PDB file of N, CA and C in Angstrom:
ATOM      1  N   PRO A   1       0.798  -1.220   0.000  1.00  0.00           N
ATOM      2  CA  PRO A   1       0.000   0.000   0.000  1.00  0.00           C
ATOM      3  C   PRO A   1       0.838   1.281   0.000  1.00  0.00           C
ATOM      4  N   TYR A   2       2.118   1.206   0.345  1.00  0.00           N
ATOM      5  CA  TYR A   2       2.970   2.393   0.347  1.00  0.00           C
ATOM      6  C   TYR A   2       4.110   2.202  -0.649  1.00  0.00           C
ATOM      7  N   LEU A   3       4.937   3.208  -0.807  1.00  0.00           N
ATOM      8  CA  LEU A   3       5.971   3.169  -1.846  1.00  0.00           C
ATOM      9  C   LEU A   3       6.967   2.029  -1.685  1.00  0.00           C
ATOM     10  N   LEU A   4       7.393   1.778  -0.449  1.00  0.00           N
ATOM     11  CA  LEU A   4       8.430   0.774  -0.221  1.00  0.00           C
ATOM     12  C   LEU A   4       7.896  -0.500   0.412  1.00  0.00           C
ATOM     13  N   GLY A   5       6.590  -0.669   0.403  1.00  0.00           N
ATOM     14  CA  GLY A   5       6.014  -1.885   0.964  1.00  0.00           C
ATOM     15  C   GLY A   5       4.836  -1.590   1.873  1.00  0.00           C
ATOM     16  N   GLU A   6       4.687  -2.413   2.885  1.00  0.00           N
ATOM     17  CA  GLU A   6       3.527  -2.329   3.770  1.00  0.00           C
ATOM     18  C   GLU A   6       3.616  -1.195   4.786  1.00  0.00           C
ATOM     19  N   GLN A   7       4.810  -0.690   5.034  1.00  0.00           N
ATOM     20  CA  GLN A   7       4.979   0.336   6.061  1.00  0.00           C
ATOM     21  C   GLN A   7       5.155   1.717   5.449  1.00  0.00           C
ATOM     22  N   PHE A   8       4.572   2.689   6.106  1.00  0.00           N
ATOM     23  CA  PHE A   8       4.730   4.090   5.739  1.00  0.00           C
ATOM     24  C   PHE A   8       6.148   4.520   6.094  1.00  0.00           C
ATOM     25  N   THR A   9       6.848   5.174   5.167  1.00  0.00           N
ATOM     26  CA  THR A   9       8.234   5.590   5.399  1.00  0.00           C
ATOM     27  C   THR A   9       8.403   7.072   5.049  1.00  0.00           C
ATOM     28  N   ALA A  10       9.609   7.567   5.248  1.00  0.00           N
ATOM     29  CA  ALA A  10       9.926   8.951   4.883  1.00  0.00           C
ATOM     30  C   ALA A  10       9.695   9.198   3.395  1.00  0.00           C
ATOM     31  N   ALA A  11       9.851   8.177   2.582  1.00  0.00           N
ATOM     32  CA  ALA A  11       9.586   8.324   1.144  1.00  0.00           C
ATOM     33  C   ALA A  11       8.131   8.707   0.907  1.00  0.00           C
ATOM     34  N   ASP A  12       7.236   8.146   1.697  1.00  0.00           N
ATOM     35  CA  ASP A  12       5.815   8.467   1.558  1.00  0.00           C
ATOM     36  C   ASP A  12       5.517   9.890   2.016  1.00  0.00           C
ATOM     37  N   VAL A  13       6.263  10.375   2.995  1.00  0.00           N
ATOM     38  CA  VAL A  13       6.093  11.763   3.425  1.00  0.00           C
ATOM     39  C   VAL A  13       6.397  12.692   2.255  1.00  0.00           C
ATOM     40  N   MET A  14       7.514  12.449   1.598  1.00  0.00           N
ATOM     41  CA  MET A  14       7.929  13.305   0.487  1.00  0.00           C
ATOM     42  C   MET A  14       7.007  13.152  -0.727  1.00  0.00           C
ATOM     43  N   VAL A  15       6.810  11.936  -1.167  1.00  0.00           N
ATOM     44  CA  VAL A  15       6.028  11.699  -2.385  1.00  0.00           C
ATOM     45  C   VAL A  15       4.540  11.927  -2.132  1.00  0.00           C
ATOM     46  N   GLY A  16       4.048  11.450  -1.002  1.00  0.00           N
ATOM     47  CA  GLY A  16       2.623  11.582  -0.700  1.00  0.00           C
ATOM     48  C   GLY A  16       2.161  13.020  -0.677  1.00  0.00           C
ATOM     49  N   SER A  17       2.942  13.889  -0.059  1.00  0.00           N
ATOM     50  CA  SER A  17       2.541  15.293  -0.008  1.00  0.00           C
ATOM     51  C   SER A  17       2.558  15.917  -1.401  1.00  0.00           C
ATOM     52  N   ASN A  18       3.532  15.548  -2.213  1.00  0.00           N
ATOM     53  CA  ASN A  18       3.592  16.094  -3.575  1.00  0.00           C
ATOM     54  C   ASN A  18       2.461  15.575  -4.453  1.00  0.00           C
ATOM     55  N   VAL A  19       2.133  14.304  -4.329  1.00  0.00           N
ATOM     56  CA  VAL A  19       1.006  13.761  -5.097  1.00  0.00           C
ATOM     57  C   VAL A  19      -0.292  14.421  -4.637  1.00  0.00           C
ATOM     58  N   TRP A  20      -0.432  14.607  -3.331  1.00  0.00           N
ATOM     59  CA  TRP A  20      -1.626  15.271  -2.790  1.00  0.00           C
ATOM     60  C   TRP A  20      -1.767  16.672  -3.378  1.00  0.00           C
ATOM     61  N   TYR A  21      -0.680  17.449  -3.355  1.00  0.00           N
ATOM     62  CA  TYR A  21      -0.717  18.800  -3.925  1.00  0.00           C
ATOM     63  C   TYR A  21      -1.059  18.754  -5.412  1.00  0.00           C
ATOM     64  N   GLY A  22      -0.445  17.841  -6.128  1.00  0.00           N
ATOM     65  CA  GLY A  22      -0.688  17.741  -7.564  1.00  0.00           C
ATOM     66  C   GLY A  22      -2.116  17.372  -7.916  1.00  0.00           C
ATOM     67  N   LEU A  23      -2.718  16.532  -7.077  1.00  0.00           N
ATOM     68  CA  LEU A  23      -4.104  16.115  -7.312  1.00  0.00           C
ATOM     69  C   LEU A  23      -5.109  17.152  -6.837  1.00  0.00           C
ATOM     70  N   THR A  24      -4.910  17.678  -5.636  1.00  0.00           N
ATOM     71  CA  THR A  24      -5.958  18.481  -5.012  1.00  0.00           C
ATOM     72  C   THR A  24      -5.829  19.978  -5.231  1.00  0.00           C
ATOM     73  N   LEU A  25      -4.627  20.496  -5.176  1.00  0.00           N
ATOM     74  CA  LEU A  25      -4.470  21.947  -5.279  1.00  0.00           C
ATOM     75  C   LEU A  25      -4.083  22.403  -6.678  1.00  0.00           C
ATOM     76  N   LEU A  26      -3.058  21.806  -7.217  1.00  0.00           N
ATOM     77  CA  LEU A  26      -2.558  22.246  -8.519  1.00  0.00           C
ATOM     78  C   LEU A  26      -3.300  21.629  -9.694  1.00  0.00           C
ATOM     79  N   LYS A  27      -3.912  20.480  -9.465  1.00  0.00           N
ATOM     80  CA  LYS A  27      -4.661  19.760 -10.512  1.00  0.00           C
ATOM     81  C   LYS A  27      -3.787  19.436 -11.726  1.00  0.00           C
ATOM     82  N   VAL A  28      -2.537  19.055 -11.468  1.00  0.00           N
ATOM     83  CA  VAL A  28      -1.621  18.721 -12.556  1.00  0.00           C
ATOM     84  C   VAL A  28      -1.379  17.217 -12.671  1.00  0.00           C
ATOM     85  N   ILE A  29      -1.951  16.457 -11.755  1.00  0.00           N
ATOM     86  CA  ILE A  29      -1.853  14.996 -11.810  1.00  0.00           C
ATOM     87  C   ILE A  29      -3.237  14.453 -12.115  1.00  0.00           C
ATOM     88  N   GLU A  30      -3.316  13.620 -13.126  1.00  0.00           N
ATOM     89  CA  GLU A  30      -4.588  13.001 -13.493  1.00  0.00           C
ATOM     90  C   GLU A  30      -5.059  12.111 -12.342  1.00  0.00           C
ATOM     91  N   PRO A  31      -6.318  12.256 -11.912  1.00  0.00           N
ATOM     92  CA  PRO A  31      -6.810  11.492 -10.763  1.00  0.00           C
ATOM     93  C   PRO A  31      -7.080  10.017 -11.086  1.00  0.00           C
ATOM     94  N   ARG A  32      -6.045   9.294 -11.338  1.00  0.00           N
ATOM     95  CA  ARG A  32      -6.163   7.856 -11.596  1.00  0.00           C
ATOM     96  C   ARG A  32      -6.383   7.125 -10.274  1.00  0.00           C
ATOM     97  N   PRO A  33      -7.054   5.979 -10.312  1.00  0.00           N
ATOM     98  CA  PRO A  33      -7.341   5.244  -9.076  1.00  0.00           C
ATOM     99  C   PRO A  33      -6.108   4.940  -8.230  1.00  0.00           C
ATOM    100  N   VAL A  34      -4.995   4.625  -8.845  1.00  0.00           N
ATOM    101  CA  VAL A  34      -3.790   4.308  -8.073  1.00  0.00           C
ATOM    102  C   VAL A  34      -3.316   5.529  -7.285  1.00  0.00           C
ATOM    103  N   PHE A  35      -3.437   6.715  -7.855  1.00  0.00           N
ATOM    104  CA  PHE A  35      -3.021   7.932  -7.160  1.00  0.00           C
ATOM    105  C   PHE A  35      -4.015   8.317  -6.072  1.00  0.00           C
ATOM    106  N   THR A  36      -5.299   8.267  -6.394  1.00  0.00           N
ATOM    107  CA  THR A  36      -6.295   8.676  -5.406  1.00  0.00           C
ATOM    108  C   THR A  36      -6.330   7.717  -4.217  1.00  0.00           C
ATOM    109  N   ALA A  37      -6.131   6.434  -4.457  1.00  0.00           N
ATOM    110  CA  ALA A  37      -6.096   5.468  -3.349  1.00  0.00           C
ATOM    111  C   ALA A  37      -4.869   5.697  -2.474  1.00  0.00           C
ATOM    112  N   TYR A  38      -3.735   5.969  -3.093  1.00  0.00           N
ATOM    113  CA  TYR A  38      -2.508   6.236  -2.338  1.00  0.00           C
ATOM    114  C   TYR A  38      -2.676   7.489  -1.481  1.00  0.00           C
ATOM    115  N   VAL A  39      -3.212   8.544  -2.066  1.00  0.00           N
ATOM    116  CA  VAL A  39      -3.424   9.780  -1.322  1.00  0.00           C
ATOM    117  C   VAL A  39      -4.422   9.551  -0.187  1.00  0.00           C
ATOM    118  N   ALA A  40      -5.453   8.772  -0.418  1.00  0.00           N
ATOM    119  CA  ALA A  40      -6.422   8.481   0.646  1.00  0.00           C
ATOM    120  C   ALA A  40      -5.747   7.779   1.821  1.00  0.00           C
ATOM    121  N   ARG A  41      -4.836   6.864   1.541  1.00  0.00           N
ATOM    122  CA  ARG A  41      -4.109   6.192   2.631  1.00  0.00           C
ATOM    123  C   ARG A  41      -3.247   7.191   3.392  1.00  0.00           C
ATOM    124  N   CYS A  42      -2.623   8.093   2.682  1.00  0.00           N
ATOM    125  CA  CYS A  42      -1.801   9.114   3.344  1.00  0.00           C
ATOM    126  C   CYS A  42      -2.682  10.062   4.164  1.00  0.00           C
ATOM    127  N   GLU A  43      -3.807  10.485   3.589  1.00  0.00           N
ATOM    128  CA  GLU A  43      -4.717  11.399   4.284  1.00  0.00           C
ATOM    129  C   GLU A  43      -5.297  10.786   5.555  1.00  0.00           C
ATOM    130  N   ALA A  44      -5.397   9.477   5.606  1.00  0.00           N
ATOM    131  CA  ALA A  44      -5.964   8.797   6.773  1.00  0.00           C
ATOM    132  C   ALA A  44      -5.018   8.822   7.973  1.00  0.00           C
ATOM    133  N   ARG A  45      -3.786   9.152   7.751  1.00  0.00           N
ATOM    134  CA  ARG A  45      -2.795   9.160   8.837  1.00  0.00           C
ATOM    135  C   ARG A  45      -2.974  10.411   9.703  1.00  0.00           C
ATOM    136  N   PRO A  46      -2.999  10.248  11.023  1.00  0.00           N
ATOM    137  CA  PRO A  46      -3.199  11.394  11.916  1.00  0.00           C
ATOM    138  C   PRO A  46      -2.184  12.523  11.703  1.00  0.00           C
ATOM    139  N   ALA A  47      -0.938  12.198  11.451  1.00  0.00           N
ATOM    140  CA  ALA A  47       0.071  13.244  11.245  1.00  0.00           C
ATOM    141  C   ALA A  47      -0.230  14.060   9.991  1.00  0.00           C
ATOM    142  N   PHE A  48      -0.724  13.412   8.955  1.00  0.00           N
ATOM    143  CA  PHE A  48      -1.093  14.123   7.731  1.00  0.00           C
ATOM    144  C   PHE A  48      -2.231  15.091   8.035  1.00  0.00           C
ATOM    145  N   GLN A  49      -3.210  14.642   8.807  1.00  0.00           N
ATOM    146  CA  GLN A  49      -4.344  15.483   9.167  1.00  0.00           C
ATOM    147  C   GLN A  49      -3.897  16.680  10.005  1.00  0.00           C
ATOM    148  N   ARG A  50      -2.984  16.450  10.940  1.00  0.00           N
ATOM    149  CA  ARG A  50      -2.471  17.557  11.755  1.00  0.00           C
ATOM    150  C   ARG A  50      -1.719  18.565  10.887  1.00  0.00           C
ATOM    151  N   ALA A  51      -0.889  18.070   9.983  1.00  0.00           N
ATOM    152  CA  ALA A  51      -0.125  18.965   9.107  1.00  0.00           C
ATOM    153  C   ALA A  51      -1.057  19.787   8.225  1.00  0.00           C
ATOM    154  N   ASN A  52      -2.096  19.172   7.700  1.00  0.00           N
ATOM    155  CA  ASN A  52      -3.053  19.907   6.867  1.00  0.00           C
ATOM    156  C   ASN A  52      -3.785  20.970   7.676  1.00  0.00           C
ATOM    157  N   ALA A  53      -4.127  20.655   8.918  1.00  0.00           N
ATOM    158  CA  ALA A  53      -4.809  21.626   9.771  1.00  0.00           C
ATOM    159  C   ALA A  53      -3.906  22.826  10.051  1.00  0.00           C
ATOM    160  N   ILE A  54      -2.641  22.571  10.314  1.00  0.00           N
ATOM    161  CA  ILE A  54      -1.684  23.655  10.561  1.00  0.00           C
ATOM    162  C   ILE A  54      -1.540  24.524   9.315  1.00  0.00           C
ATOM    163  N   GLU A  55      -1.437  23.884   8.163  1.00  0.00           N
ATOM    164  CA  GLU A  55      -1.291  24.640   6.919  1.00  0.00           C
ATOM    165  C   GLU A  55      -2.544  25.452   6.616  1.00  0.00           C
ATOM    166  N   ALA A  56      -3.719  24.867   6.814  1.00  0.00           N
ATOM    167  CA  ALA A  56      -4.969  25.583   6.556  1.00  0.00           C
ATOM    168  C   ALA A  56      -5.087  26.800   7.467  1.00  0.00           C
ATOM    169  N   GLU A  57      -4.683  26.646   8.714  1.00  0.00           N
ATOM    170  CA  GLU A  57      -4.719  27.762   9.659  1.00  0.00           C
ATOM    171  C   GLU A  57      -3.767  28.873   9.214  1.00  0.00           C
ATOM    172  N   ALA A  58      -2.586  28.501   8.783  1.00  0.00           N
ATOM    173  CA  ALA A  58      -1.609  29.491   8.328  1.00  0.00           C
ATOM    174  C   ALA A  58      -2.099  30.213   7.071  1.00  0.00           C
ATOM    175  N   LEU A  59      -2.720  29.487   6.159  1.00  0.00           N
ATOM    176  CA  LEU A  59      -3.212  30.096   4.924  1.00  0.00           C
ATOM    177  C   LEU A  59      -4.396  31.018   5.181  1.00  0.00           C
ATOM    178  N   ALA A  60      -5.181  30.717   6.219  1.00  0.00           N
ATOM    179  CA  ALA A  60      -6.349  31.527   6.538  1.00  0.00           C
ATOM    180  C   ALA A  60      -5.968  32.844   7.219  1.00  0.00           C
ATOM    181  N   ALA A  61      -4.781  32.896   7.767  1.00  0.00           N
ATOM    182  CA  ALA A  61      -4.354  34.108   8.509  1.00  0.00           C
ATOM    183  C   ALA A  61      -4.017  35.251   7.582  1.00  0.00           C
TER     184      ALA A  61
END
């Protein structure tokens, strides 16, 4: 389910955030099922949710 196997790694932090930006904000990545499923797994992680909340708060200021 992740880039290097079953466990989430630093590679997923780097790639996952970029794929998320490309799909959701920039709209430069075609929303293929493999990408959207990967991003959904990343979004489900509590740390990802906390980081997004911090970023949303900063952007709203």
